[in-house]
Amino acid sequence: MVPKEVKMPNILKYITLSILKVYQKVFTLFSYGSCRYYPTCSEYAKWQILYNGFIKACFYSLLRILRCNQLFSGGIDYPVVTKKFQNFFLTAPAYNSPDIKFWFVPKNIKSFYVVKAFK
């Protein structure tokens, strides 16, 4: 029985992210740079799981994996997520040089591209 404070989607999210992390570590030992897209399919799935619902993330990740073959040209394909932002100016803490990992670039009014921030 699952305790009330632990939700099932969070457990699935944690397990899936753990499997992806192990996959990325093991796969880089055997070959490097074999994905036709940037970000790689496993990184795309990780970003989808982090910023979309679990079912939606699995669906879009499966579509991406099916597109990763010789019939498609590949290239840059950032995940599109729907995210609700709070009013930044009313809730932002004092500026202390935050560690930014991802940028959310607007696609339309409700959707954003997830772009990794480089140092």
C-alpha atoms as a PDB file:
ATOM      1  CA  MET A   1       0.000   0.000   0.000  1.00  0.00           C
ATOM      2  CA  VAL A   2       1.300   3.461  -0.950  1.00  0.00           C
ATOM      3  CA  PRO A   3       1.302   6.108   1.816  1.00  0.00           C
ATOM      4  CA  LYS A   4      -1.018   9.060   1.255  1.00  0.00           C
ATOM      5  CA  GLU A   5       1.783  11.608   0.949  1.00  0.00           C
ATOM      6  CA  VAL A   6       3.463   9.695  -1.908  1.00  0.00           C
ATOM      7  CA  LYS A   7       1.564   9.993  -5.172  1.00  0.00           C
ATOM      8  CA  MET A   8       1.774   7.252  -7.785  1.00  0.00           C
ATOM      9  CA  PRO A   9       2.787   9.516 -10.705  1.00  0.00           C
ATOM     10  CA  ASN A  10       5.732  10.788  -8.650  1.00  0.00           C
ATOM     11  CA  ILE A  11       6.891   7.201  -8.115  1.00  0.00           C
ATOM     12  CA  LEU A  12       6.588   6.475 -11.859  1.00  0.00           C
ATOM     13  CA  LYS A  13       8.398   9.711 -12.623  1.00  0.00           C
ATOM     14  CA  TYR A  14      11.225   8.840 -10.220  1.00  0.00           C
ATOM     15  CA  ILE A  15      11.588   5.274 -11.533  1.00  0.00           C
ATOM     16  CA  THR A  16      11.553   6.398 -15.171  1.00  0.00           C
ATOM     17  CA  LEU A  17      14.116   9.147 -14.557  1.00  0.00           C
ATOM     18  CA  SER A  18      16.340   6.637 -12.719  1.00  0.00           C
ATOM     19  CA  ILE A  19      16.135   4.183 -15.622  1.00  0.00           C
ATOM     20  CA  LEU A  20      16.960   6.968 -18.091  1.00  0.00           C
ATOM     21  CA  LYS A  21      19.946   8.030 -15.997  1.00  0.00           C
ATOM     22  CA  VAL A  22      21.337   4.470 -15.924  1.00  0.00           C
ATOM     23  CA  TYR A  23      20.644   4.101 -19.667  1.00  0.00           C
ATOM     24  CA  GLN A  24      22.517   7.316 -20.443  1.00  0.00           C
ATOM     25  CA  LYS A  25      25.525   6.261 -18.336  1.00  0.00           C
ATOM     26  CA  VAL A  26      25.736   2.758 -19.838  1.00  0.00           C
ATOM     27  CA  PHE A  27      24.972   3.787 -23.422  1.00  0.00           C
ATOM     28  CA  THR A  28      27.762   6.383 -23.525  1.00  0.00           C
ATOM     29  CA  LEU A  29      30.265   3.629 -22.721  1.00  0.00           C
ATOM     30  CA  PHE A  30      29.480   1.740 -25.935  1.00  0.00           C
ATOM     31  CA  SER A  31      28.795   4.446 -28.519  1.00  0.00           C
ATOM     32  CA  TYR A  32      28.748   8.197 -28.682  1.00  0.00           C
ATOM     33  CA  GLY A  33      26.676  10.535 -30.829  1.00  0.00           C
ATOM     34  CA  SER A  34      24.394   8.010 -32.482  1.00  0.00           C
ATOM     35  CA  CYS A  35      21.152   9.976 -32.163  1.00  0.00           C
ATOM     36  CA  ARG A  36      19.919  11.904 -35.208  1.00  0.00           C
ATOM     37  CA  TYR A  37      18.426  14.692 -33.105  1.00  0.00           C
ATOM     38  CA  TYR A  38      19.555  17.264 -30.590  1.00  0.00           C
ATOM     39  CA  PRO A  39      18.806  16.826 -27.733  1.00  0.00           C
ATOM     40  CA  THR A  40      19.217  13.060 -27.822  1.00  0.00           C
ATOM     41  CA  CYS A  41      16.094  10.933 -27.522  1.00  0.00           C
ATOM     42  CA  SER A  42      16.864   9.973 -23.924  1.00  0.00           C
ATOM     43  CA  GLU A  43      17.491  13.608 -22.949  1.00  0.00           C
ATOM     44  CA  TYR A  44      14.275  14.597 -24.749  1.00  0.00           C
ATOM     45  CA  ALA A  45      12.357  11.972 -22.747  1.00  0.00           C
ATOM     46  CA  LYS A  46      13.940  13.217 -19.528  1.00  0.00           C
ATOM     47  CA  TRP A  47      12.926  16.821 -20.217  1.00  0.00           C
ATOM     48  CA  GLN A  48       9.409  15.735 -21.177  1.00  0.00           C
ATOM     49  CA  ILE A  49       9.013  13.767 -17.942  1.00  0.00           C
ATOM     50  CA  LEU A  50      10.321  16.662 -15.855  1.00  0.00           C
ATOM     51  CA  TYR A  51       8.061  19.333 -17.352  1.00  0.00           C
ATOM     52  CA  ASN A  52       4.968  17.513 -18.708  1.00  0.00           C
ATOM     53  CA  GLY A  53       2.585  14.979 -17.232  1.00  0.00           C
ATOM     54  CA  PHE A  54       3.817  11.386 -17.168  1.00  0.00           C
ATOM     55  CA  ILE A  55       1.384  10.000 -19.776  1.00  0.00           C
ATOM     56  CA  LYS A  56       1.851  12.959 -22.131  1.00  0.00           C
ATOM     57  CA  ALA A  57       5.636  12.713 -21.730  1.00  0.00           C
ATOM     58  CA  CYS A  58       5.626   8.982 -22.541  1.00  0.00           C
ATOM     59  CA  PHE A  59       3.485   9.587 -25.634  1.00  0.00           C
ATOM     60  CA  TYR A  60       5.721  12.365 -27.025  1.00  0.00           C
ATOM     61  CA  SER A  61       8.885  10.446 -26.160  1.00  0.00           C
ATOM     62  CA  LEU A  62       7.589   7.380 -28.008  1.00  0.00           C
ATOM     63  CA  LEU A  63       6.792   9.523 -31.067  1.00  0.00           C
ATOM     64  CA  ARG A  64      10.294  10.971 -30.943  1.00  0.00           C
ATOM     65  CA  ILE A  65      11.896   7.521 -30.736  1.00  0.00           C
ATOM     66  CA  LEU A  66       9.815   6.368 -33.722  1.00  0.00           C
ATOM     67  CA  ARG A  67      11.055   9.394 -35.721  1.00  0.00           C
ATOM     68  CA  CYS A  68      14.715   8.635 -34.922  1.00  0.00           C
ATOM     69  CA  ASN A  69      15.518   6.627 -38.059  1.00  0.00           C
ATOM     70  CA  GLN A  70      16.784   7.073 -41.628  1.00  0.00           C
ATOM     71  CA  LEU A  71      13.396   8.198 -42.968  1.00  0.00           C
ATOM     72  CA  PHE A  72      13.599  11.497 -41.077  1.00  0.00           C
ATOM     73  CA  SER A  73      16.348  14.061 -41.458  1.00  0.00           C
ATOM     74  CA  GLY A  74      16.924  14.692 -37.734  1.00  0.00           C
ATOM     75  CA  GLY A  75      18.220  18.028 -36.476  1.00  0.00           C
ATOM     76  CA  ILE A  76      17.229  20.198 -33.545  1.00  0.00           C
ATOM     77  CA  ASP A  77      13.930  19.185 -31.959  1.00  0.00           C
ATOM     78  CA  TYR A  78      13.306  20.712 -28.550  1.00  0.00           C
ATOM     79  CA  PRO A  79      10.436  19.356 -26.451  1.00  0.00           C
ATOM     80  CA  VAL A  80       7.305  21.493 -26.244  1.00  0.00           C
ATOM     81  CA  VAL A  81       5.787  21.756 -22.781  1.00  0.00           C
ATOM     82  CA  THR A  82       2.813  23.512 -21.270  1.00  0.00           C
ATOM     83  CA  LYS A  83       3.794  25.342 -18.139  1.00  0.00           C
ATOM     84  CA  LYS A  84       2.017  27.887 -15.994  1.00  0.00           C
ATOM     85  CA  PHE A  85       4.263  30.584 -14.632  1.00  0.00           C
ATOM     86  CA  GLN A  86       3.637  32.696 -11.585  1.00  0.00           C
ATOM     87  CA  ASN A  87       3.954  36.436 -11.862  1.00  0.00           C
ATOM     88  CA  PHE A  88       7.745  36.732 -11.659  1.00  0.00           C
ATOM     89  CA  PHE A  89       7.875  40.324 -10.510  1.00  0.00           C
ATOM     90  CA  LEU A  90       5.533  39.746  -7.572  1.00  0.00           C
ATOM     91  CA  THR A  91       6.999  36.469  -6.310  1.00  0.00           C
ATOM     92  CA  ALA A  92      10.693  36.582  -7.268  1.00  0.00           C
ATOM     93  CA  PRO A  93      13.207  36.489  -4.412  1.00  0.00           C
ATOM     94  CA  ALA A  94      16.144  38.866  -4.315  1.00  0.00           C
ATOM     95  CA  TYR A  95      18.460  38.358  -7.289  1.00  0.00           C
ATOM     96  CA  ASN A  96      21.405  36.203  -6.181  1.00  0.00           C
ATOM     97  CA  SER A  97      22.719  34.925  -9.530  1.00  0.00           C
ATOM     98  CA  PRO A  98      20.440  31.897  -9.901  1.00  0.00           C
ATOM     99  CA  ASP A  99      21.679  28.648 -11.382  1.00  0.00           C
ATOM    100  CA  ILE A 100      19.629  28.485 -14.590  1.00  0.00           C
ATOM    101  CA  LYS A 101      19.409  24.982 -16.099  1.00  0.00           C
ATOM    102  CA  PHE A 102      16.696  25.444 -18.747  1.00  0.00           C
ATOM    103  CA  TRP A 103      15.124  28.303 -20.681  1.00  0.00           C
ATOM    104  CA  PHE A 104      11.436  28.208 -21.584  1.00  0.00           C
ATOM    105  CA  VAL A 105      11.153  29.849 -25.007  1.00  0.00           C
ATOM    106  CA  PRO A 106       7.547  30.709 -25.961  1.00  0.00           C
ATOM    107  CA  LYS A 107       6.070  28.816 -28.904  1.00  0.00           C
ATOM    108  CA  ASN A 108       2.581  30.269 -28.575  1.00  0.00           C
ATOM    109  CA  ILE A 109       0.452  31.582 -25.705  1.00  0.00           C
ATOM    110  CA  LYS A 110       0.327  28.307 -23.740  1.00  0.00           C
ATOM    111  CA  SER A 111       3.302  26.267 -25.036  1.00  0.00           C
ATOM    112  CA  PHE A 112       7.033  26.629 -24.558  1.00  0.00           C
ATOM    113  CA  TYR A 113      10.181  25.032 -25.976  1.00  0.00           C
ATOM    114  CA  VAL A 114      12.575  23.679 -23.354  1.00  0.00           C
ATOM    115  CA  VAL A 115      16.122  24.782 -24.194  1.00  0.00           C
ATOM    116  CA  LYS A 116      19.124  23.780 -22.082  1.00  0.00           C
ATOM    117  CA  ALA A 117      21.214  26.678 -20.788  1.00  0.00           C
ATOM    118  CA  PHE A 118      24.916  26.419 -21.612  1.00  0.00           C
ATOM    119  CA  LYS A 119      27.626  27.988 -19.487  1.00  0.00           C
END
